[in-house]
Amino acid sequence: ETDRIHLISSFLAFVLTGEDPPIDFGDGSGMNLLDMSTRQWSEQLLNAVSETLSKKLPKVTPTGTQVGKINPFFVKKFSINPEAKVYS
């Protein structure tokens, strides 16, 4: 059973941070599930697909939002600055 749904862009942020990142407005609107007037997931559209879909989608945020710091794995493996930040 599916636990979380991400697009490739937010999946990459997940890999780089090790955290569950948000989806930016641009990607969210491309999923055709976003209410553009409120910039939130449309409950009506989500429920038309599945009653549990809203629990599987991350929050939506503006493009360029900091989603976390670089995962320690990449710091050690590639000598990336541990203070490096990841943005959507």
C-alpha atoms as a PDB file:
ATOM      1  CA  GLU A   1       0.000   0.000   0.000  1.00  0.00           C
ATOM      2  CA  THR A   2       1.301   3.442  -0.913  1.00  0.00           C
ATOM      3  CA  ASP A   3       2.424   5.502   2.052  1.00  0.00           C
ATOM      4  CA  ARG A   4       3.646   8.727   0.379  1.00  0.00           C
ATOM      5  CA  ILE A   5       3.360  10.299  -3.061  1.00  0.00           C
ATOM      6  CA  HIS A   6       6.067  12.563  -4.477  1.00  0.00           C
ATOM      7  CA  LEU A   7       7.124  13.822  -7.865  1.00  0.00           C
ATOM      8  CA  ILE A   8      10.712  13.337  -8.973  1.00  0.00           C
ATOM      9  CA  SER A   9      11.648  16.880  -7.908  1.00  0.00           C
ATOM     10  CA  SER A  10      10.448  16.421  -4.341  1.00  0.00           C
ATOM     11  CA  PHE A  11      11.824  12.869  -4.280  1.00  0.00           C
ATOM     12  CA  LEU A  12      15.260  14.272  -5.054  1.00  0.00           C
ATOM     13  CA  ALA A  13      14.882  16.703  -2.141  1.00  0.00           C
ATOM     14  CA  PHE A  14      13.976  13.694   0.019  1.00  0.00           C
ATOM     15  CA  VAL A  15      17.153  11.880  -1.055  1.00  0.00           C
ATOM     16  CA  LEU A  16      19.327  14.940  -0.434  1.00  0.00           C
ATOM     17  CA  THR A  17      17.870  15.725   3.005  1.00  0.00           C
ATOM     18  CA  GLY A  18      16.548  12.406   4.282  1.00  0.00           C
ATOM     19  CA  GLU A  19      13.375  14.263   5.277  1.00  0.00           C
ATOM     20  CA  ASP A  20       9.850  14.367   3.848  1.00  0.00           C
ATOM     21  CA  PRO A  21       9.896  17.574   1.777  1.00  0.00           C
ATOM     22  CA  PRO A  22       6.960  19.628   0.535  1.00  0.00           C
ATOM     23  CA  ILE A  23       5.956  19.902  -3.111  1.00  0.00           C
ATOM     24  CA  ASP A  24       6.286  23.371  -4.624  1.00  0.00           C
ATOM     25  CA  PHE A  25       3.313  25.181  -6.153  1.00  0.00           C
ATOM     26  CA  GLY A  26       4.512  24.579  -9.712  1.00  0.00           C
ATOM     27  CA  ASP A  27       4.727  20.818  -9.312  1.00  0.00           C
ATOM     28  CA  GLY A  28       1.534  20.727  -7.284  1.00  0.00           C
ATOM     29  CA  SER A  29      -0.386  22.566  -9.983  1.00  0.00           C
ATOM     30  CA  GLY A  30       0.979  20.160 -12.583  1.00  0.00           C
ATOM     31  CA  MET A  31      -0.660  17.307 -10.694  1.00  0.00           C
ATOM     32  CA  ASN A  32      -4.045  19.001 -11.341  1.00  0.00           C
ATOM     33  CA  LEU A  33      -4.999  18.503  -7.692  1.00  0.00           C
ATOM     34  CA  LEU A  34      -4.163  21.982  -6.433  1.00  0.00           C
ATOM     35  CA  ASP A  35      -6.700  24.734  -5.869  1.00  0.00           C
ATOM     36  CA  MET A  36      -4.824  27.633  -7.449  1.00  0.00           C
ATOM     37  CA  SER A  37      -6.885  30.259  -5.624  1.00  0.00           C
ATOM     38  CA  THR A  38      -5.907  28.943  -2.181  1.00  0.00           C
ATOM     39  CA  ARG A  39      -2.618  27.266  -3.157  1.00  0.00           C
ATOM     40  CA  GLN A  40      -3.664  24.212  -1.169  1.00  0.00           C
ATOM     41  CA  TRP A  41      -4.674  20.724  -2.222  1.00  0.00           C
ATOM     42  CA  SER A  42      -8.284  20.700  -3.400  1.00  0.00           C
ATOM     43  CA  GLU A  43     -10.210  18.378  -1.096  1.00  0.00           C
ATOM     44  CA  GLN A  44     -12.881  17.978  -3.771  1.00  0.00           C
ATOM     45  CA  LEU A  45     -10.350  16.818  -6.371  1.00  0.00           C
ATOM     46  CA  LEU A  46      -8.432  14.657  -3.915  1.00  0.00           C
ATOM     47  CA  ASN A  47     -11.594  12.905  -2.770  1.00  0.00           C
ATOM     48  CA  ALA A  48     -12.631  12.339  -6.390  1.00  0.00           C
ATOM     49  CA  VAL A  49      -9.458  10.281  -6.780  1.00  0.00           C
ATOM     50  CA  SER A  50      -9.321   8.595  -3.364  1.00  0.00           C
ATOM     51  CA  GLU A  51     -10.616   9.287   0.119  1.00  0.00           C
ATOM     52  CA  THR A  52      -7.117   8.704   1.511  1.00  0.00           C
ATOM     53  CA  LEU A  53      -5.108  10.679  -1.050  1.00  0.00           C
ATOM     54  CA  SER A  54      -4.759  13.798   1.118  1.00  0.00           C
ATOM     55  CA  LYS A  55      -2.908  11.734   3.748  1.00  0.00           C
ATOM     56  CA  LYS A  56      -0.361  10.614   1.156  1.00  0.00           C
ATOM     57  CA  LEU A  57       0.575  14.004  -0.265  1.00  0.00           C
ATOM     58  CA  PRO A  58       3.053  16.399   1.351  1.00  0.00           C
ATOM     59  CA  LYS A  59       2.193  20.028   1.988  1.00  0.00           C
ATOM     60  CA  VAL A  60       2.660  22.531  -0.823  1.00  0.00           C
ATOM     61  CA  THR A  61       4.997  25.512  -0.513  1.00  0.00           C
ATOM     62  CA  PRO A  62       6.331  28.307  -2.715  1.00  0.00           C
ATOM     63  CA  THR A  63       9.154  27.465  -5.093  1.00  0.00           C
ATOM     64  CA  GLY A  64      12.481  28.242  -3.474  1.00  0.00           C
ATOM     65  CA  THR A  65      11.435  27.188   0.029  1.00  0.00           C
ATOM     66  CA  GLN A  66      14.242  25.705   2.102  1.00  0.00           C
ATOM     67  CA  VAL A  67      13.298  22.084   2.726  1.00  0.00           C
ATOM     68  CA  GLY A  68      16.247  21.062   4.887  1.00  0.00           C
ATOM     69  CA  LYS A  69      19.995  20.624   5.156  1.00  0.00           C
ATOM     70  CA  ILE A  70      22.077  18.157   3.212  1.00  0.00           C
ATOM     71  CA  ASN A  71      21.959  14.590   4.519  1.00  0.00           C
ATOM     72  CA  PRO A  72      25.108  13.611   6.507  1.00  0.00           C
ATOM     73  CA  PHE A  73      25.635  10.727   4.057  1.00  0.00           C
ATOM     74  CA  PHE A  74      26.464  13.228   1.287  1.00  0.00           C
ATOM     75  CA  VAL A  75      28.643  15.276   3.612  1.00  0.00           C
ATOM     76  CA  LYS A  76      30.775  12.236   4.372  1.00  0.00           C
ATOM     77  CA  LYS A  77      30.764  10.610   0.916  1.00  0.00           C
ATOM     78  CA  PHE A  78      31.278  13.736  -1.211  1.00  0.00           C
ATOM     79  CA  SER A  79      32.723  16.234   1.301  1.00  0.00           C
ATOM     80  CA  ILE A  80      29.751  18.576   0.901  1.00  0.00           C
ATOM     81  CA  ASN A  81      29.569  21.410   3.401  1.00  0.00           C
ATOM     82  CA  PRO A  82      27.369  20.149   6.301  1.00  0.00           C
ATOM     83  CA  GLU A  83      25.618  23.529   6.359  1.00  0.00           C
ATOM     84  CA  ALA A  84      24.499  23.171   2.726  1.00  0.00           C
ATOM     85  CA  LYS A  85      20.778  23.779   2.404  1.00  0.00           C
ATOM     86  CA  VAL A  86      18.313  22.121   0.005  1.00  0.00           C
ATOM     87  CA  TYR A  87      15.560  24.177  -1.614  1.00  0.00           C
ATOM     88  CA  SER A  88      12.462  23.247  -3.571  1.00  0.00           C
END
